[in-house]
N, C-alpha and C. Protein backbone atom coordinates (compact mmCIF):
# COMPACT_ATOMS: atom_id res chain seq x y z
N PRO A 1 0.82 -1.20 0.00
CA PRO A 1 0.00 0.00 0.00
C PRO A 1 0.86 1.27 0.00
N VAL A 2 0.31 2.35 -0.45
CA VAL A 2 1.02 3.62 -0.58
C VAL A 2 1.63 4.08 0.75
N ASN A 3 0.94 3.88 1.85
CA ASN A 3 1.42 4.33 3.16
C ASN A 3 2.29 3.30 3.88
N GLY A 4 2.72 2.28 3.18
CA GLY A 4 3.59 1.27 3.78
C GLY A 4 2.81 0.21 4.54
N LEU A 5 3.53 -0.77 5.03
CA LEU A 5 2.90 -1.88 5.75
C LEU A 5 3.70 -2.20 7.00
N GLU A 6 3.02 -2.23 8.12
CA GLU A 6 3.62 -2.65 9.39
C GLU A 6 2.94 -3.94 9.80
N ASP A 7 3.73 -4.99 9.95
CA ASP A 7 3.22 -6.32 10.30
C ASP A 7 3.67 -6.65 11.72
N THR A 8 2.75 -6.60 12.67
CA THR A 8 3.02 -7.01 14.04
C THR A 8 2.49 -8.43 14.19
N TRP A 9 3.33 -9.36 14.66
CA TRP A 9 2.89 -10.75 14.68
C TRP A 9 3.31 -11.47 15.96
N LEU A 10 2.59 -12.55 16.23
CA LEU A 10 2.84 -13.42 17.38
C LEU A 10 2.81 -14.85 16.88
N LEU A 11 3.85 -15.63 17.21
CA LEU A 11 3.96 -17.01 16.74
C LEU A 11 3.99 -17.96 17.93
N ALA A 12 3.29 -19.08 17.79
CA ALA A 12 3.34 -20.15 18.78
C ALA A 12 3.51 -21.47 18.03
N SER A 13 4.35 -22.35 18.57
CA SER A 13 4.61 -23.61 17.89
C SER A 13 4.83 -24.71 18.92
N THR A 14 4.41 -25.93 18.57
CA THR A 14 4.62 -27.08 19.45
C THR A 14 4.73 -28.32 18.58
N LYS A 15 5.23 -29.38 19.16
CA LYS A 15 5.35 -30.66 18.46
C LYS A 15 4.63 -31.72 19.26
N ILE A 16 3.77 -32.47 18.58
CA ILE A 16 3.05 -33.58 19.20
C ILE A 16 3.38 -34.82 18.38
N GLY A 17 4.22 -35.69 18.93
CA GLY A 17 4.69 -36.85 18.19
C GLY A 17 5.49 -36.40 16.98
N GLU A 18 5.08 -36.82 15.80
CA GLU A 18 5.76 -36.46 14.56
C GLU A 18 5.11 -35.26 13.87
N VAL A 19 4.14 -34.63 14.51
CA VAL A 19 3.42 -33.50 13.91
C VAL A 19 3.85 -32.21 14.57
N THR A 20 4.28 -31.24 13.76
CA THR A 20 4.61 -29.90 14.25
C THR A 20 3.43 -28.99 13.94
N LEU A 21 2.94 -28.30 14.97
CA LEU A 21 1.81 -27.38 14.84
C LEU A 21 2.31 -25.96 15.07
N THR A 22 1.95 -25.05 14.17
CA THR A 22 2.36 -23.66 14.28
C THR A 22 1.17 -22.76 14.03
N GLY A 23 1.05 -21.71 14.82
CA GLY A 23 0.03 -20.70 14.62
C GLY A 23 0.68 -19.33 14.63
N VAL A 24 0.29 -18.47 13.70
CA VAL A 24 0.82 -17.11 13.63
C VAL A 24 -0.35 -16.15 13.48
N TYR A 25 -0.38 -15.12 14.34
CA TYR A 25 -1.40 -14.07 14.25
C TYR A 25 -0.70 -12.80 13.78
N HIS A 26 -1.22 -12.18 12.73
CA HIS A 26 -0.66 -10.94 12.17
C HIS A 26 -1.66 -9.80 12.35
N LEU A 27 -1.16 -8.62 12.66
CA LEU A 27 -1.95 -7.40 12.67
C LEU A 27 -1.29 -6.45 11.67
N PHE A 28 -2.01 -6.08 10.62
CA PHE A 28 -1.47 -5.26 9.54
C PHE A 28 -1.97 -3.83 9.66
N GLU A 29 -1.04 -2.88 9.69
CA GLU A 29 -1.37 -1.46 9.77
C GLU A 29 -0.45 -0.68 8.82
N ALA A 30 -0.84 0.57 8.50
CA ALA A 30 0.00 1.43 7.67
C ALA A 30 1.15 1.98 8.50
N ASN A 31 2.30 2.18 7.86
CA ASN A 31 3.44 2.82 8.53
C ASN A 31 3.14 4.27 8.85
N THR A 32 2.42 4.94 7.97
CA THR A 32 2.02 6.33 8.20
C THR A 32 0.53 6.48 7.93
N GLY A 33 -0.10 7.38 8.63
CA GLY A 33 -1.52 7.66 8.40
C GLY A 33 -2.48 6.93 9.29
N GLY A 34 -2.04 5.88 9.97
CA GLY A 34 -2.90 5.19 10.94
C GLY A 34 -3.94 4.24 10.38
N ALA A 35 -3.89 3.92 9.09
CA ALA A 35 -4.88 3.00 8.52
C ALA A 35 -4.67 1.59 9.06
N GLU A 36 -5.76 0.90 9.30
CA GLU A 36 -5.73 -0.50 9.73
C GLU A 36 -6.13 -1.36 8.55
N TYR A 37 -5.22 -2.24 8.12
CA TYR A 37 -5.48 -3.07 6.95
C TYR A 37 -6.19 -4.38 7.29
N GLY A 38 -6.07 -4.83 8.52
CA GLY A 38 -6.74 -6.07 8.92
C GLY A 38 -5.83 -6.98 9.70
N SER A 39 -6.30 -8.22 9.89
CA SER A 39 -5.53 -9.20 10.64
C SER A 39 -5.61 -10.54 9.92
N GLU A 40 -4.67 -11.41 10.28
CA GLU A 40 -4.61 -12.73 9.64
C GLU A 40 -4.21 -13.77 10.66
N LEU A 41 -4.83 -14.93 10.59
CA LEU A 41 -4.46 -16.08 11.40
C LEU A 41 -4.00 -17.18 10.47
N ASP A 42 -2.77 -17.66 10.66
CA ASP A 42 -2.21 -18.74 9.87
C ASP A 42 -1.99 -19.96 10.77
N LEU A 43 -2.52 -21.10 10.37
CA LEU A 43 -2.33 -22.36 11.09
C LEU A 43 -1.65 -23.34 10.16
N HIS A 44 -0.64 -24.04 10.69
CA HIS A 44 0.19 -24.90 9.86
C HIS A 44 0.47 -26.19 10.63
N ALA A 45 0.22 -27.34 10.00
CA ALA A 45 0.53 -28.64 10.59
C ALA A 45 1.40 -29.41 9.60
N VAL A 46 2.51 -29.98 10.10
CA VAL A 46 3.42 -30.74 9.25
C VAL A 46 3.71 -32.09 9.91
N TYR A 47 3.52 -33.17 9.15
CA TYR A 47 3.82 -34.52 9.60
C TYR A 47 5.01 -35.03 8.80
N VAL A 48 6.00 -35.59 9.47
CA VAL A 48 7.18 -36.14 8.80
C VAL A 48 7.13 -37.66 8.93
N THR A 49 7.13 -38.35 7.79
CA THR A 49 7.08 -39.81 7.79
C THR A 49 8.46 -40.39 8.07
N SER A 50 8.52 -41.70 8.28
CA SER A 50 9.79 -42.37 8.53
C SER A 50 10.67 -42.41 7.28
N TRP A 51 10.09 -42.24 6.08
CA TRP A 51 10.87 -42.23 4.83
C TRP A 51 11.16 -40.80 4.36
N LYS A 52 11.11 -39.83 5.28
CA LYS A 52 11.51 -38.44 5.05
C LYS A 52 10.53 -37.62 4.20
N GLN A 53 9.30 -38.10 4.04
CA GLN A 53 8.30 -37.31 3.34
C GLN A 53 7.61 -36.39 4.34
N LYS A 54 7.40 -35.14 3.94
CA LYS A 54 6.66 -34.19 4.76
C LYS A 54 5.29 -34.00 4.12
N ILE A 55 4.27 -34.01 4.96
CA ILE A 55 2.90 -33.76 4.52
C ILE A 55 2.38 -32.61 5.37
N GLY A 56 1.90 -31.57 4.71
CA GLY A 56 1.49 -30.39 5.45
C GLY A 56 0.12 -29.89 5.08
N LEU A 57 -0.50 -29.23 6.03
CA LEU A 57 -1.78 -28.55 5.85
C LEU A 57 -1.61 -27.13 6.36
N LYS A 58 -1.98 -26.16 5.53
CA LYS A 58 -1.83 -24.77 5.91
C LYS A 58 -3.16 -24.06 5.67
N ILE A 59 -3.60 -23.30 6.66
CA ILE A 59 -4.83 -22.53 6.56
C ILE A 59 -4.49 -21.08 6.89
N GLY A 60 -4.89 -20.18 6.02
CA GLY A 60 -4.68 -18.75 6.24
C GLY A 60 -6.01 -18.03 6.13
N ALA A 61 -6.35 -17.24 7.15
CA ALA A 61 -7.61 -16.49 7.15
C ALA A 61 -7.32 -15.02 7.38
N TYR A 62 -7.51 -14.20 6.34
CA TYR A 62 -7.29 -12.76 6.41
C TYR A 62 -8.63 -12.06 6.59
N GLU A 63 -8.72 -11.20 7.60
CA GLU A 63 -9.93 -10.42 7.85
C GLU A 63 -9.61 -8.95 7.60
N ALA A 64 -10.16 -8.41 6.52
CA ALA A 64 -9.86 -7.04 6.11
C ALA A 64 -10.57 -6.02 7.00
N ASP A 65 -9.90 -4.89 7.22
CA ASP A 65 -10.52 -3.76 7.90
C ASP A 65 -10.83 -2.68 6.87
N GLU A 66 -9.82 -1.88 6.54
CA GLU A 66 -10.00 -0.77 5.61
C GLU A 66 -9.36 -1.04 4.25
N HIS A 67 -8.91 -2.24 4.01
CA HIS A 67 -8.18 -2.56 2.78
C HIS A 67 -8.60 -3.92 2.27
N SER A 68 -8.92 -4.03 1.00
CA SER A 68 -9.17 -5.29 0.33
C SER A 68 -10.44 -5.97 0.84
N GLN A 69 -10.45 -7.30 0.85
CA GLN A 69 -11.60 -8.08 1.30
C GLN A 69 -11.14 -9.31 2.07
N ASP A 70 -12.04 -9.91 2.83
CA ASP A 70 -11.71 -11.11 3.60
C ASP A 70 -11.36 -12.26 2.65
N VAL A 71 -10.34 -13.04 3.04
CA VAL A 71 -9.92 -14.19 2.22
C VAL A 71 -9.50 -15.32 3.15
N THR A 72 -9.94 -16.53 2.83
CA THR A 72 -9.48 -17.73 3.54
C THR A 72 -8.97 -18.72 2.50
N LYS A 73 -7.78 -19.26 2.75
CA LYS A 73 -7.19 -20.23 1.83
C LYS A 73 -6.73 -21.45 2.61
N VAL A 74 -6.89 -22.62 1.98
CA VAL A 74 -6.45 -23.89 2.56
C VAL A 74 -5.54 -24.56 1.55
N MET A 75 -4.38 -25.02 2.02
CA MET A 75 -3.41 -25.66 1.13
C MET A 75 -2.95 -26.99 1.74
N LEU A 76 -2.96 -28.03 0.94
CA LEU A 76 -2.40 -29.33 1.32
C LEU A 76 -1.18 -29.55 0.44
N TRP A 77 -0.05 -29.91 1.05
CA TRP A 77 1.19 -30.04 0.28
C TRP A 77 2.01 -31.22 0.78
N THR A 78 2.99 -31.59 -0.03
CA THR A 78 3.92 -32.65 0.35
C THR A 78 5.30 -32.35 -0.24
N ALA A 79 6.33 -32.88 0.40
CA ALA A 79 7.71 -32.71 -0.08
C ALA A 79 8.53 -33.91 0.40
N TRP A 80 9.55 -34.24 -0.38
CA TRP A 80 10.46 -35.32 -0.02
C TRP A 80 11.85 -34.77 0.20
N GLY A 81 12.57 -35.35 1.13
CA GLY A 81 13.97 -34.99 1.35
C GLY A 81 14.88 -36.14 0.95
N PHE A 82 16.11 -35.81 0.59
CA PHE A 82 17.07 -36.83 0.17
C PHE A 82 18.28 -36.79 1.04
């Protein structure tokens, strides 16, 4: 945005067995002018198999204030390591 972006965030993470759970809360505001752009909650779970495959689920929910519109996205992904 024209007035810049300030991202204030808080992260929490834990591991339960082979699953890593992470949550991040973002508060988006303008650097100048005092505009509030909204907030976002990101949740991420990653499972690592015994054969080094990672399987992840990521959910991001953006709640707009004075900028854009509300958006929620869900992503399922996988990756292999060598």
